[in-house]
Amino acid sequence: MNRQNKSFWLKTIALLCALSLAGDAVYYWQRSAVSESKYSDVYDFEYDRDAQAIKDIFYQNWHWLIASDDFSTEFMLRKKAPNNRNPLYFGKLIIKSLRPDDSKELAGFICYYKKKEKLGWLLFLGVADQFRKRGYGEYLVRYALEQMRQMGLTRVDLVTRVTNYRAQRLYKRIGFNEYKRDSHGFVYFLYTF
């Protein structure tokens, strides 16, 4: 192969690689745009706007949401941390609020974070009593799963009480699989992308 042919083929291969990368970028940008528009009523947590409503949901559902006596809702919301025991997670908790149809009221919230390189943890899901039975819990879980998939995570864990049958049905319907029950009354679920 002469030098001119070799140069032609190298340029052709480089052009094809560039086009392929550009195509991938457009594809992922469109998927992200579709995902964001699908969930246009899910907002980033803002303390002044959302904290009191989230605290109210916690207090109404304390038994279902909290497993530890030393948990502080205030600390979690202020520090965006899953707990107060590991400073490495401070600022890592993603808190999203749901305000359907530009409602002034918070319908629900979801909290999740990246626990390990490929493992996400769905920590809290809460829906206000007056917004229940409208599919908002499933909507928030599906939103969080989509976000964690986009973060490059391949698995998502969560835990709920053995007696929380409604939550267990929801998680199974979405595709979570139960993998463990412990002696403290908790059941563990795993979702794999």
Protein backbone atom coordinates (compact mmCIF):
# COMPACT_ATOMS: atom_id res chain seq x y z
CA MET A 1 0.00 0.00 0.00
CA ASN A 2 1.49 3.30 -1.01
CA ARG A 3 1.74 6.30 1.21
CA GLN A 4 -1.20 8.15 -0.38
CA ASN A 5 -3.58 5.17 0.09
CA LYS A 6 -2.46 4.75 3.68
CA SER A 7 -3.16 8.42 4.41
CA PHE A 8 -6.60 8.16 2.76
CA TRP A 9 -7.57 5.14 4.89
CA LEU A 10 -6.33 6.72 8.11
CA LYS A 11 -8.38 9.87 7.41
CA THR A 12 -11.43 7.76 6.55
CA ILE A 13 -11.15 5.76 9.77
CA ALA A 14 -10.66 8.94 11.81
CA LEU A 15 -13.73 10.53 10.18
CA LEU A 16 -15.85 7.43 10.86
CA CYS A 17 -14.75 7.40 14.52
CA ALA A 18 -15.59 11.09 14.88
CA LEU A 19 -19.01 10.58 13.29
CA SER A 20 -19.67 7.61 15.55
CA LEU A 21 -18.78 9.61 18.68
CA ALA A 22 -20.93 12.52 17.52
CA GLY A 23 -23.85 10.14 16.92
CA ASP A 24 -23.45 8.67 20.41
CA ALA A 25 -23.36 12.15 21.94
CA VAL A 26 -26.57 13.18 20.16
CA TYR A 27 -28.27 9.92 21.18
CA TYR A 28 -27.43 10.34 24.88
CA TRP A 29 -28.29 14.05 24.83
CA GLN A 30 -31.72 13.26 23.36
CA ARG A 31 -32.32 10.48 25.91
CA SER A 32 -31.39 12.85 28.72
CA ALA A 33 -33.64 15.59 27.34
CA VAL A 34 -36.56 13.16 27.03
CA SER A 35 -35.93 11.88 30.55
CA GLU A 36 -35.85 15.40 31.99
CA SER A 37 -39.01 16.52 30.21
CA LYS A 38 -40.84 13.35 31.28
CA TYR A 39 -40.17 14.25 34.90
CA SER A 40 -40.63 18.01 34.69
CA ASP A 41 -42.47 18.12 38.02
CA VAL A 42 -39.56 16.60 39.98
CA TYR A 43 -37.35 19.31 41.47
CA ASP A 44 -34.03 19.55 43.23
CA PHE A 45 -34.51 19.91 46.98
CA GLU A 46 -34.49 23.48 48.29
CA TYR A 47 -34.39 23.73 52.05
CA ASP A 48 -36.60 26.81 52.43
CA ARG A 49 -39.24 25.50 50.02
CA ASP A 50 -39.28 21.77 50.84
CA ALA A 51 -37.87 21.02 54.30
CA GLN A 52 -40.99 21.48 56.41
CA ALA A 53 -43.19 19.39 54.10
CA ILE A 54 -40.58 16.60 54.03
CA LYS A 55 -40.29 16.70 57.83
CA ASP A 56 -44.09 16.44 58.07
CA ILE A 57 -44.06 13.32 55.87
CA PHE A 58 -41.28 11.85 58.02
CA TYR A 59 -43.15 12.49 61.26
CA GLN A 60 -46.38 11.01 59.89
CA ASN A 61 -44.52 7.90 58.67
CA TRP A 62 -41.65 7.63 61.15
CA HIS A 63 -42.09 3.90 61.77
CA TRP A 64 -41.98 3.08 58.04
CA LEU A 65 -39.09 5.37 57.13
CA ILE A 66 -36.66 5.21 60.05
CA ALA A 67 -34.68 2.24 61.30
CA SER A 68 -32.32 3.99 63.71
CA ASP A 69 -33.12 5.85 66.95
CA ASP A 70 -30.34 8.37 66.34
CA PHE A 71 -31.58 9.52 62.91
CA SER A 72 -32.04 13.27 62.45
CA THR A 73 -34.22 14.52 59.61
CA GLU A 74 -32.82 18.00 60.12
CA PHE A 75 -29.23 16.77 59.81
CA MET A 76 -30.07 14.77 56.66
CA LEU A 77 -31.73 17.76 54.99
CA ARG A 78 -29.10 20.33 56.04
CA LYS A 79 -26.05 18.20 55.25
CA LYS A 80 -27.59 16.16 52.39
CA ALA A 81 -26.17 13.09 54.07
CA PRO A 82 -27.69 9.62 54.55
CA ASN A 83 -26.55 9.55 58.18
CA ASN A 84 -24.40 11.40 60.65
CA ARG A 85 -21.86 8.62 61.07
CA ASN A 86 -19.79 8.90 57.87
CA PRO A 87 -18.56 12.34 56.81
CA LEU A 88 -17.53 10.93 53.42
CA TYR A 89 -21.21 10.96 52.46
CA PHE A 90 -21.91 14.55 53.56
CA GLY A 91 -23.31 16.39 50.55
CA LYS A 92 -23.76 13.18 48.55
CA LEU A 93 -27.44 12.51 49.21
CA ILE A 94 -29.66 13.50 46.29
CA ILE A 95 -33.04 14.75 47.48
CA LYS A 96 -35.81 15.36 44.97
CA SER A 97 -39.26 16.77 45.57
CA LEU A 98 -42.40 16.15 43.56
CA ARG A 99 -44.77 19.03 42.91
CA PRO A 100 -47.27 17.79 40.31
CA ASP A 101 -48.87 20.23 37.90
CA ASP A 102 -46.98 23.20 39.37
CA SER A 103 -48.68 22.56 42.70
CA LYS A 104 -47.64 24.67 45.63
CA GLU A 105 -47.89 21.53 47.76
CA LEU A 106 -45.17 18.94 47.95
CA ALA A 107 -46.70 15.58 46.98
CA GLY A 108 -43.67 13.49 47.86
CA PHE A 109 -39.92 13.16 47.92
CA ILE A 110 -37.18 10.63 47.22
CA CYS A 111 -33.60 10.41 48.53
CA TYR A 112 -30.83 8.34 46.96
CA TYR A 113 -27.06 8.30 46.63
CA LYS A 114 -24.10 6.50 45.14
CA LYS A 115 -22.90 4.12 47.85
CA LYS A 116 -20.11 2.37 45.91
CA GLU A 117 -18.68 2.60 42.42
CA LYS A 118 -21.56 0.79 40.69
CA LEU A 119 -24.05 0.60 43.59
CA GLY A 120 -26.77 3.10 44.35
CA TRP A 121 -28.92 3.20 47.46
CA LEU A 122 -32.53 4.30 47.46
CA LEU A 123 -32.76 5.61 51.00
CA PHE A 124 -36.19 7.24 51.40
CA LEU A 125 -39.44 7.46 49.52
CA GLY A 126 -42.28 9.43 51.02
CA VAL A 127 -45.66 10.54 49.70
CA ALA A 128 -47.95 12.91 51.60
CA ASP A 129 -51.20 11.31 52.75
CA GLN A 130 -53.41 13.54 50.60
CA PHE A 131 -51.45 12.51 47.46
CA ARG A 132 -51.49 8.75 48.00
CA LYS A 133 -52.96 6.23 45.54
CA ARG A 134 -52.12 8.39 42.54
CA GLY A 135 -48.96 6.55 41.45
CA TYR A 136 -46.56 9.19 42.77
CA GLY A 137 -44.44 6.69 44.72
CA GLU A 138 -43.82 4.59 41.61
CA TYR A 139 -43.20 7.76 39.59
CA LEU A 140 -40.51 8.91 42.03
CA VAL A 141 -38.82 5.49 42.19
CA ARG A 142 -38.71 5.25 38.39
CA TYR A 143 -37.28 8.77 38.25
CA ALA A 144 -34.54 7.89 40.76
CA LEU A 145 -33.69 4.65 38.92
CA GLU A 146 -33.35 6.55 35.64
CA GLN A 147 -31.08 9.10 37.30
CA MET A 148 -28.91 6.41 38.89
CA ARG A 149 -28.65 4.57 35.58
CA GLN A 150 -27.45 7.81 33.98
CA MET A 151 -24.88 8.09 36.79
CA GLY A 152 -23.41 4.81 35.55
CA LEU A 153 -24.67 2.67 38.43
CA THR A 154 -25.60 -0.93 37.64
CA ARG A 155 -27.38 -1.92 40.87
CA VAL A 156 -29.64 -0.21 43.38
CA ASP A 157 -30.32 -1.46 46.90
CA LEU A 158 -33.06 -0.52 49.32
CA VAL A 159 -34.48 -1.79 52.58
CA THR A 160 -37.98 -1.65 54.02
CA ARG A 161 -39.82 -3.19 56.92
CA VAL A 162 -41.05 -6.76 56.56
CA THR A 163 -44.55 -5.52 57.46
CA ASN A 164 -44.57 -2.75 54.83
CA TYR A 165 -46.47 -4.83 52.30
CA ARG A 166 -47.56 -1.91 50.15
CA ALA A 167 -43.96 -0.77 49.61
CA GLN A 168 -42.83 -4.34 48.90
CA ARG A 169 -45.53 -4.73 46.22
CA LEU A 170 -44.44 -1.45 44.64
CA TYR A 171 -40.77 -2.42 44.54
CA LYS A 172 -41.50 -5.85 43.09
CA ARG A 173 -43.78 -4.35 40.44
CA ILE A 174 -40.98 -2.01 39.37
CA GLY A 175 -38.49 -4.89 39.10
CA PHE A 176 -36.68 -5.04 42.44
CA ASN A 177 -35.89 -8.52 43.73
CA GLU A 178 -35.89 -9.47 47.38
CA TYR A 179 -32.56 -10.94 48.44
CA LYS A 180 -32.52 -10.94 52.25
CA ARG A 181 -34.60 -10.69 55.42
CA ASP A 182 -32.89 -9.99 58.69
CA SER A 183 -33.77 -10.73 62.30
CA HIS A 184 -34.58 -7.04 62.98
CA GLY A 185 -37.67 -7.04 60.76
CA PHE A 186 -36.23 -5.65 57.53
CA VAL A 187 -36.32 -6.94 53.97
CA TYR A 188 -33.69 -6.01 51.38
CA PHE A 189 -34.28 -5.49 47.67
CA LEU A 190 -31.94 -5.16 44.69
CA TYR A 191 -32.61 -3.68 41.26
CA THR A 192 -30.20 -4.47 38.44
CA PHE A 193 -29.96 -2.49 35.20
